[in-house]
Amino acid sequence: MPSRPPLPIPSRRRVLAGLAGVVSLPLLAACSSDDPLTAQAGNADGKNYIAGDGSVLEIVPDRRGEPVQFRSTLFSGKPISTQDLAGDPAVLNFWYAACAPCRVEAPDLQALHEQFAPEGVRFLGINVRDTVATAEAFERNFGITYPSVEDRGGQVLLAMTDYVPPQAVPTTIVLDRLGRVSARILGIAEPSTLRTLITTVLDERA
């Protein structure tokens, strides 16, 4: 991969200690060959992310900026917005059923959901391609019990553009209790890493 110049603003945040092995993983293309992540996310100028699949980014509280805002509809038909998540840490996972890395990480995401649900952490899937039937089949197959929104129109993805490069699937975002982006994982969410990122926001005072 060609080297990139340093970001001109301090947007390359404190990366978790011990993650060198994660960020040095081989690049995973987006799940479709016609929308490779490297082509879509190559320009990080002025944005608060580090382009490149497999990277893990943690943002310290005083650098998180404003709460993110979006409205969407769950596959159940129920409307949901960031206001519904307010006050609790949240984990947003961008996925679709035919995405091989999404299938790899699905059991770990469900396990983390079960671990942290008693502490008030909300998990929400953002499905970027599937019909209701396809998404529900995936959820049954992997035992996913947390809800997902249908985002084939890209409204949520657009609202998260500063943190989720287009077609970067899977991507996992951790929101703090104020709805601000605390951390972002491009690519498969390694369980112990995501657990640490969630614990960080749980330990913070709102």
Protein backbone atom coordinates (compact mmCIF):
# COMPACT_ATOMS: atom_id res chain seq x y z
CA MET A 1 0.00 0.00 0.00
CA PRO A 2 1.42 3.44 -0.85
CA SER A 3 2.43 5.48 2.14
CA ARG A 4 0.19 8.37 3.12
CA PRO A 5 1.29 11.75 4.45
CA PRO A 6 0.47 12.42 8.12
CA LEU A 7 -2.95 13.83 8.78
CA PRO A 8 -2.81 17.63 9.04
CA ILE A 9 -5.02 17.70 12.13
CA PRO A 10 -4.72 15.66 15.33
CA SER A 11 -7.33 13.16 14.17
CA ARG A 12 -5.14 10.12 14.36
CA ARG A 13 -6.12 9.21 17.90
CA ARG A 14 -4.58 7.12 20.64
CA VAL A 15 -4.57 3.54 19.41
CA LEU A 16 -4.98 0.83 22.02
CA ALA A 17 -1.71 -0.51 23.36
CA GLY A 18 -0.84 -3.93 22.11
CA LEU A 19 -2.77 -3.67 18.85
CA ALA A 20 0.22 -3.69 16.54
CA GLY A 21 -0.66 -7.20 15.49
CA VAL A 22 -4.15 -6.09 14.56
CA VAL A 23 -3.21 -3.09 12.47
CA SER A 24 -0.54 -5.09 10.67
CA LEU A 25 -3.01 -7.74 9.46
CA PRO A 26 -3.15 -8.16 5.67
CA LEU A 27 -5.69 -5.86 4.10
CA LEU A 28 -9.14 -7.36 3.64
CA ALA A 29 -10.96 -6.10 0.59
CA ALA A 30 -14.57 -5.17 1.04
CA CYS A 31 -16.78 -8.18 0.57
CA SER A 32 -17.50 -7.42 -3.05
CA SER A 33 -14.73 -7.23 -5.60
CA ASP A 34 -16.39 -4.26 -7.31
CA ASP A 35 -16.15 -2.02 -4.25
CA PRO A 36 -12.73 -2.56 -2.64
CA LEU A 37 -12.21 -0.73 0.61
CA THR A 38 -8.86 0.61 -0.44
CA ALA A 39 -10.43 2.37 -3.43
CA GLN A 40 -13.30 3.79 -1.41
CA ALA A 41 -11.41 4.85 1.72
CA GLY A 42 -8.11 5.97 0.32
CA ASN A 43 -8.62 9.66 0.99
CA ALA A 44 -8.60 10.44 4.71
CA ASP A 45 -7.94 14.17 4.32
CA GLY A 46 -9.99 16.15 6.79
CA LYS A 47 -11.75 13.08 8.20
CA ASN A 48 -11.52 11.49 11.63
CA TYR A 49 -10.48 8.04 10.54
CA ILE A 50 -7.44 6.10 9.43
CA ALA A 51 -8.07 4.51 6.05
CA GLY A 52 -7.26 0.85 5.73
CA ASP A 53 -9.10 -2.29 6.73
CA GLY A 54 -8.12 -3.97 9.99
CA SER A 55 -7.21 -0.75 11.80
CA VAL A 56 -8.46 -0.01 15.31
CA LEU A 57 -9.00 3.56 16.42
CA GLU A 58 -9.80 4.82 19.91
CA ILE A 59 -10.71 8.48 20.46
CA VAL A 60 -10.09 10.10 23.83
CA PRO A 61 -13.14 11.82 25.39
CA ASP A 62 -12.07 15.42 24.80
CA ARG A 63 -11.53 14.73 21.07
CA ARG A 64 -14.83 13.00 20.27
CA GLY A 65 -16.74 15.95 18.93
CA GLU A 66 -20.51 16.05 18.65
CA PRO A 67 -22.90 13.12 19.12
CA VAL A 68 -23.74 11.32 15.89
CA GLN A 69 -27.29 11.65 14.56
CA PHE A 70 -29.35 9.28 12.41
CA ARG A 71 -32.86 7.90 12.00
CA SER A 72 -33.75 4.56 10.49
CA THR A 73 -36.12 1.60 10.67
CA LEU A 74 -35.48 -1.82 12.17
CA PHE A 75 -36.22 -4.91 10.10
CA SER A 76 -39.18 -5.39 12.45
CA GLY A 77 -40.62 -2.13 11.09
CA LYS A 78 -40.01 -0.16 14.28
CA PRO A 79 -38.39 3.27 13.84
CA ILE A 80 -35.18 3.96 15.71
CA SER A 81 -32.88 6.94 16.09
CA THR A 82 -29.81 7.90 18.05
CA GLN A 83 -32.15 9.46 20.63
CA ASP A 84 -33.30 5.92 21.46
CA LEU A 85 -29.69 5.01 22.29
CA ALA A 86 -28.98 8.11 24.37
CA GLY A 87 -27.61 7.53 27.85
CA ASP A 88 -26.19 4.08 27.13
CA PRO A 89 -23.01 2.96 25.39
CA ALA A 90 -23.79 1.48 21.99
CA VAL A 91 -22.10 -0.76 19.45
CA LEU A 92 -22.99 -0.27 15.77
CA ASN A 93 -21.98 -3.05 13.38
CA PHE A 94 -22.19 -2.52 9.62
CA TRP A 95 -22.83 -5.86 7.88
CA TYR A 96 -24.62 -7.89 5.24
CA ALA A 97 -25.31 -11.60 4.96
CA ALA A 98 -23.01 -12.57 2.07
CA CYS A 99 -20.02 -10.79 3.61
CA ALA A 100 -17.55 -13.50 4.66
CA PRO A 101 -15.85 -11.44 7.44
CA CYS A 102 -19.31 -10.55 8.78
CA ARG A 103 -20.08 -14.25 9.13
CA VAL A 104 -16.79 -14.83 10.92
CA GLU A 105 -17.41 -12.15 13.53
CA ALA A 106 -21.14 -12.75 14.04
CA PRO A 107 -20.86 -15.31 16.89
CA ASP A 108 -18.40 -13.09 18.76
CA LEU A 109 -20.65 -10.04 18.43
CA GLN A 110 -23.59 -12.02 19.79
CA ALA A 111 -21.48 -13.27 22.70
CA LEU A 112 -20.39 -9.72 23.54
CA HIS A 113 -23.98 -8.53 23.29
CA GLU A 114 -25.01 -11.17 25.83
CA GLN A 115 -22.07 -10.25 28.08
CA PHE A 116 -22.72 -6.51 28.12
CA ALA A 117 -26.52 -6.30 27.83
CA PRO A 118 -26.94 -6.49 31.64
CA GLU A 119 -24.72 -3.39 31.89
CA GLY A 120 -26.91 -1.43 29.49
CA VAL A 121 -24.76 -1.63 26.34
CA ARG A 122 -26.92 -1.50 23.22
CA PHE A 123 -25.94 -3.44 20.09
CA LEU A 124 -27.40 -2.40 16.73
CA GLY A 125 -26.68 -3.91 13.34
CA ILE A 126 -26.64 -1.67 10.27
CA ASN A 127 -27.42 -3.90 7.28
CA VAL A 128 -26.33 -2.25 4.06
CA ARG A 129 -27.62 -4.67 1.40
CA ASP A 130 -30.14 -7.30 2.42
CA THR A 131 -33.89 -7.77 2.24
CA VAL A 132 -35.75 -8.65 5.42
CA ALA A 133 -35.84 -12.36 4.55
CA THR A 134 -32.09 -12.57 3.89
CA ALA A 135 -31.18 -10.63 7.03
CA GLU A 136 -33.49 -12.69 9.23
CA ALA A 137 -32.08 -15.94 7.82
CA PHE A 138 -28.59 -14.76 8.74
CA GLU A 139 -29.73 -13.83 12.25
CA ARG A 140 -31.39 -17.23 12.76
CA ASN A 141 -28.32 -19.05 11.47
CA PHE A 142 -25.96 -17.25 13.85
CA GLY A 143 -28.36 -16.82 16.76
CA ILE A 144 -28.25 -13.01 16.60
CA THR A 145 -30.73 -11.53 19.07
CA TYR A 146 -29.91 -7.81 18.87
CA PRO A 147 -31.79 -5.78 16.22
CA SER A 148 -30.62 -4.46 12.87
CA VAL A 149 -31.80 -1.62 10.68
CA GLU A 150 -32.29 -1.85 6.93
CA ASP A 151 -29.88 0.64 5.32
CA ARG A 152 -29.85 -0.27 1.64
CA GLY A 153 -30.52 3.38 0.91
CA GLY A 154 -27.38 4.34 2.82
CA GLN A 155 -28.94 6.92 5.15
CA VAL A 156 -27.15 5.67 8.27
CA LEU A 157 -23.92 5.09 6.35
CA LEU A 158 -24.10 8.65 5.03
CA ALA A 159 -24.66 10.00 8.54
CA MET A 160 -21.53 8.13 9.66
CA THR A 161 -19.33 9.08 6.70
CA ASP A 162 -16.65 10.68 8.87
CA TYR A 163 -16.11 7.33 10.61
CA VAL A 164 -17.24 4.64 8.15
CA PRO A 165 -15.67 4.74 4.68
CA PRO A 166 -18.24 3.82 2.00
CA GLN A 167 -18.48 0.04 1.48
CA ALA A 168 -16.17 -0.68 4.44
CA VAL A 169 -17.96 -3.81 5.60
CA PRO A 170 -17.67 -4.96 8.28
CA THR A 171 -17.07 -1.88 10.37
CA THR A 172 -17.86 -1.63 14.08
CA ILE A 173 -18.40 1.67 15.89
CA VAL A 174 -18.51 2.15 19.68
CA LEU A 175 -20.53 5.12 20.95
CA ASP A 176 -20.13 6.53 24.43
CA ARG A 177 -23.06 7.44 26.70
CA LEU A 178 -23.35 10.83 24.99
CA GLY A 179 -23.65 9.28 21.55
CA ARG A 180 -20.17 10.30 20.43
CA VAL A 181 -17.86 7.96 18.53
CA SER A 182 -15.39 6.51 21.03
CA ALA A 183 -13.81 3.85 18.83
CA ARG A 184 -13.91 2.31 15.39
CA ILE A 185 -12.76 -1.04 13.99
CA LEU A 186 -12.38 -1.49 10.24
CA GLY A 187 -12.71 -5.16 9.41
CA ILE A 188 -13.38 -8.13 11.66
CA ALA A 189 -13.90 -7.08 15.28
CA GLU A 190 -11.47 -9.14 17.34
CA PRO A 191 -13.41 -10.06 20.52
CA SER A 192 -10.87 -9.06 23.15
CA THR A 193 -10.25 -5.73 21.40
CA LEU A 194 -13.94 -4.86 21.14
CA ARG A 195 -14.45 -5.98 24.75
CA THR A 196 -11.75 -3.52 25.84
CA LEU A 197 -13.26 -0.69 23.80
CA ILE A 198 -16.71 -1.31 25.31
CA THR A 199 -15.29 -1.53 28.84
CA THR A 200 -13.58 1.82 28.31
CA VAL A 201 -16.87 3.66 27.70
CA LEU A 202 -18.62 1.77 30.47
CA ASP A 203 -16.00 2.98 32.90
CA GLU A 204 -16.41 6.61 31.86
CA ARG A 205 -18.75 9.00 33.58
CA ALA A 206 -21.32 10.62 31.35
